[in-house]
Protein backbone atom coordinates (compact mmCIF):
# COMPACT_ATOMS: atom_id res chain seq x y z
CA MET A 1 -33.69 48.39 -36.69
CA GLU A 2 -31.40 45.47 -36.22
CA THR A 3 -32.48 42.04 -36.98
CA ASN A 4 -32.00 39.24 -34.54
CA ALA A 5 -31.45 36.52 -37.16
CA VAL A 6 -27.77 36.21 -37.45
CA GLY A 7 -24.58 37.04 -35.85
CA THR A 8 -21.52 36.17 -37.71
CA ASN A 9 -22.98 33.05 -39.07
CA LEU A 10 -23.72 32.80 -42.70
CA SER A 11 -27.43 32.35 -43.82
CA ASP A 12 -27.75 29.17 -45.95
CA GLU A 13 -29.52 31.54 -48.45
CA SER A 14 -26.56 33.94 -48.66
CA PRO A 15 -23.61 33.45 -50.77
CA TYR A 16 -21.74 36.35 -49.05
CA GLU A 17 -19.05 35.88 -46.32
CA LEU A 18 -19.06 38.45 -43.62
CA SER A 19 -15.79 40.07 -45.11
CA ALA A 20 -17.45 40.38 -48.50
CA VAL A 21 -19.97 42.62 -47.04
CA VAL A 22 -17.66 44.68 -44.93
CA ILE A 23 -15.05 45.37 -47.53
CA PRO A 24 -17.61 47.26 -49.85
CA LEU A 25 -18.74 49.18 -46.89
CA LEU A 26 -15.14 50.15 -46.15
CA LYS A 27 -14.94 51.40 -49.74
CA GLY A 28 -18.07 53.62 -49.63
CA ILE A 29 -21.86 53.55 -49.66
CA ILE A 30 -23.90 50.44 -50.54
CA TYR A 31 -27.42 51.23 -52.20
CA GLN A 32 -30.18 48.58 -52.44
CA GLU A 33 -30.95 49.55 -56.00
CA ASP A 34 -27.36 49.15 -57.14
CA SER A 35 -26.54 45.97 -55.53
CA PRO A 36 -29.58 43.99 -54.52
CA ALA A 37 -27.75 40.79 -53.63
CA LEU A 38 -25.23 42.52 -51.51
CA TRP A 39 -28.03 44.60 -49.77
CA LEU A 40 -29.85 41.52 -48.84
CA ALA A 41 -26.76 39.95 -47.49
CA LEU A 42 -25.92 43.02 -45.36
CA VAL A 43 -29.34 43.23 -44.00
CA ASN A 44 -29.29 39.54 -43.03
CA LEU A 45 -25.69 39.83 -41.58
CA GLN A 46 -25.94 43.29 -40.08
CA ALA A 47 -25.58 42.16 -36.46
CA GLY A 48 -22.29 40.57 -37.23
CA VAL A 49 -21.27 43.57 -39.33
CA ARG A 50 -21.93 45.91 -36.57
CA ASP A 51 -19.71 43.79 -34.08
CA TYR A 52 -16.94 43.49 -36.82
CA VAL A 53 -16.61 47.27 -37.51
CA ALA A 54 -17.05 48.21 -33.96
CA VAL A 55 -13.53 46.89 -33.26
CA LEU A 56 -12.35 49.40 -36.03
CA GLY A 57 -14.05 52.29 -34.18
CA LEU A 58 -16.87 52.48 -36.74
CA GLU A 59 -20.72 52.09 -36.61
CA LEU A 60 -23.07 50.82 -39.41
CA MET A 61 -25.50 53.30 -40.45
CA LEU A 62 -28.22 51.26 -42.37
CA ASP A 63 -31.67 52.73 -43.53
CA GLU A 64 -33.79 49.89 -44.88
CA ALA A 65 -36.58 52.22 -45.76
CA GLU A 66 -34.40 54.52 -47.94
CA GLY A 67 -32.21 51.65 -49.02
CA TYR A 68 -28.68 52.73 -48.12
CA ALA A 69 -25.93 51.89 -45.77
CA PHE A 70 -22.40 53.34 -44.80
CA LEU A 71 -19.84 53.35 -42.13
CA ARG A 72 -19.02 56.22 -39.87
CA SER A 73 -16.60 56.87 -37.06
CA ARG A 74 -18.09 56.49 -33.55
CA GLU A 75 -18.23 59.53 -31.38
CA GLU A 76 -14.78 59.80 -29.69
CA ASP A 77 -14.56 58.45 -26.29
CA PRO A 78 -12.95 61.04 -24.08
CA ASP A 79 -11.06 58.25 -22.16
CA VAL A 80 -9.42 57.06 -25.23
CA ALA A 81 -7.26 60.07 -26.63
CA GLY A 82 -5.43 59.95 -29.82
CA THR A 83 -7.48 57.09 -31.44
CA PRO A 84 -6.84 57.13 -35.23
CA ARG A 85 -9.88 57.60 -37.47
CA LEU A 86 -10.29 55.00 -40.15
CA VAL A 87 -13.09 57.32 -41.81
CA ALA A 88 -11.51 60.76 -42.47
CA ARG A 89 -13.57 63.92 -42.07
CA ARG A 90 -13.80 65.95 -45.21
CA GLN A 91 -13.51 69.80 -45.36
CA LEU A 92 -16.00 70.98 -47.99
CA SER A 93 -15.39 74.21 -49.95
CA TYR A 94 -18.13 76.99 -49.54
CA PRO A 95 -19.87 76.25 -52.86
CA VAL A 96 -19.92 72.60 -52.24
CA SER A 97 -21.45 73.09 -48.79
CA LEU A 98 -23.93 75.48 -50.16
CA LEU A 99 -24.86 73.26 -53.04
CA LEU A 100 -25.32 70.41 -50.63
CA ALA A 101 -27.64 72.45 -48.41
CA LEU A 102 -29.84 73.61 -51.38
CA LEU A 103 -30.14 70.04 -52.67
CA ARG A 104 -31.21 68.74 -49.19
CA LYS A 105 -33.86 71.49 -48.96
CA LYS A 106 -35.00 70.51 -52.49
CA LEU A 107 -35.30 66.86 -51.40
CA ALA A 108 -37.25 67.92 -48.36
CA GLU A 109 -39.72 69.80 -50.49
CA PHE A 110 -39.85 67.14 -53.08
CA ASP A 111 -40.73 64.54 -50.25
CA ALA A 112 -43.48 66.73 -48.96
CA GLY A 113 -45.09 66.59 -52.40
CA GLY A 114 -45.17 62.84 -52.45
CA ALA A 115 -45.28 62.61 -56.26
CA ASP A 116 -42.29 60.22 -56.78
CA THR A 117 -39.35 58.68 -54.94
CA ARG A 118 -36.37 60.02 -57.16
CA LEU A 119 -35.54 63.51 -57.23
CA ILE A 120 -34.02 64.22 -60.74
CA LEU A 121 -32.72 67.66 -61.68
CA SER A 122 -31.25 69.21 -64.78
CA ARG A 123 -27.94 70.94 -64.51
CA ASP A 124 -29.82 74.29 -65.43
CA GLU A 125 -32.17 73.66 -62.52
CA VAL A 126 -29.12 73.31 -60.05
CA VAL A 127 -27.78 76.47 -61.52
CA GLU A 128 -31.05 78.30 -60.79
CA LEU A 129 -31.00 76.84 -57.25
CA ILE A 130 -27.73 78.33 -56.34
CA ARG A 131 -27.87 81.48 -58.37
CA ILE A 132 -30.25 83.45 -55.98
CA PHE A 133 -28.05 82.92 -53.15
CA LEU A 134 -24.92 84.45 -54.82
CA PRO A 135 -23.87 88.04 -55.18
CA ALA A 136 -23.93 89.56 -58.59
CA GLY A 137 -20.71 89.89 -60.39
CA SER A 138 -17.61 87.96 -61.41
CA ASN A 139 -17.79 85.68 -58.56
CA GLU A 140 -21.29 84.48 -59.54
CA THR A 141 -20.26 83.83 -63.14
CA ARG A 142 -17.25 82.03 -62.03
CA LEU A 143 -19.13 79.91 -59.75
CA ILE A 144 -21.87 79.03 -62.11
CA ASP A 145 -19.24 77.97 -64.77
CA GLN A 146 -17.89 75.53 -62.17
CA ILE A 147 -21.23 73.91 -61.22
CA ASP A 148 -20.25 70.80 -63.24
CA THR A 149 -17.08 70.51 -61.09
CA HIS A 150 -18.89 70.92 -57.86
CA LEU A 151 -21.43 68.32 -58.88
CA ASN A 152 -18.68 65.92 -59.75
CA LYS A 153 -17.34 66.44 -56.18
CA ILE A 154 -20.76 65.82 -54.69
CA ALA A 155 -21.15 62.76 -56.92
CA GLN A 156 -17.77 61.45 -55.68
CA LEU A 157 -19.08 61.85 -52.03
CA GLY A 158 -22.14 59.70 -53.20
CA PHE A 159 -24.85 62.40 -52.68
CA VAL A 160 -25.81 62.67 -56.31
CA ARG A 161 -25.20 60.55 -59.49
CA ARG A 162 -25.33 61.57 -63.02
CA LEU A 163 -27.91 59.66 -65.15
CA ARG A 164 -26.56 57.23 -67.66
CA GLY A 165 -26.70 58.66 -71.29
CA GLN A 166 -27.86 61.98 -69.64
CA LYS A 167 -24.96 63.79 -68.24
CA GLN A 168 -26.75 67.14 -67.79
CA MET A 169 -29.26 65.23 -65.39
CA ILE A 170 -28.62 64.30 -61.98
CA GLU A 171 -30.39 62.16 -59.20
CA VAL A 172 -30.21 63.54 -55.69
CA ARG A 173 -29.52 60.41 -53.66
CA ARG A 174 -31.52 59.94 -50.58
CA ILE A 175 -28.51 59.27 -48.40
CA LEU A 176 -28.07 63.07 -48.16
CA LYS A 177 -30.89 63.21 -45.60
CA ALA A 178 -28.47 61.26 -43.26
CA PHE A 179 -25.81 63.91 -43.43
CA VAL A 180 -28.07 66.90 -43.59
CA ASP A 181 -30.80 66.25 -41.06
CA ALA A 182 -34.14 67.97 -40.37
CA GLN A 183 -32.56 69.99 -37.45
CA TRP A 184 -30.05 71.30 -39.76
CA LEU A 185 -32.64 72.37 -42.24
CA SER A 186 -34.53 74.14 -39.53
CA ASP A 187 -31.44 76.41 -39.12
CA PHE A 188 -31.12 76.78 -42.78
CA ASP A 189 -31.78 80.56 -43.09
CA ARG A 190 -29.07 81.40 -40.46
CA ARG A 191 -26.39 79.15 -42.26
CA LEU A 192 -27.20 80.80 -45.63
CA ALA A 193 -26.67 84.27 -43.94
CA GLU A 194 -23.33 82.96 -42.79
CA TYR A 195 -22.61 81.73 -46.32
CA ARG A 196 -23.49 85.27 -47.60
CA GLU A 197 -21.13 86.92 -45.09
CA GLU A 198 -18.35 84.56 -46.06
CA THR A 199 -18.96 85.33 -49.73
CA ALA A 200 -19.10 88.99 -49.17
CA GLY A 201 -15.83 88.89 -47.25
CA THR A 202 -14.14 86.97 -49.91
CA ARG A 203 -15.39 89.36 -52.51
CA GLU A 204 -14.20 92.43 -50.61
CA THR A 205 -10.75 90.89 -50.29
CA THR A 206 -10.63 90.07 -53.96
CA ASP A 207 -11.66 93.70 -54.93
CA ASP A 208 -9.02 95.13 -52.64
């Protein structure tokens, strides 16, 4: 929900210029827990930020309840063809996509339990999440060996982070909910069937 307090004017209580809020957004995700002062400035200046980034073809996605914000490209206007995208789309590999889906499902189950606000998993727990959806054989072994590589990729995307001093532990960041929504989860079984077919096809090609 947008506030009506400010446009592009600065609050007397905020040390941040509008550009000092927009630039970190252009670089990636802003989390309330990581940068409380920057987050407060963003919430106060969000109307001005929305106007500013709209000129660049972007929109501000801000969730005050979950405490994160990021920029994404606006839906393409059919009347404006060939507009360059400032925020590029990323093509994710099969194992990274599968792992994201499983982590999102785990986050939904975790939220339903209502025990805590932070979902923290060990590397072994992540391996077990993905193991049951993979065919037996060399492909499974190779993929499990690469779990850390896939987790590093997901961490670069901002969906998980490794705990300081505990590299075998990860926190699933709640921004994942913004990219894998409830509607996507409702179709989870069908998507997993597609993943299995893709894996089976890859395995048959490899065996040939």
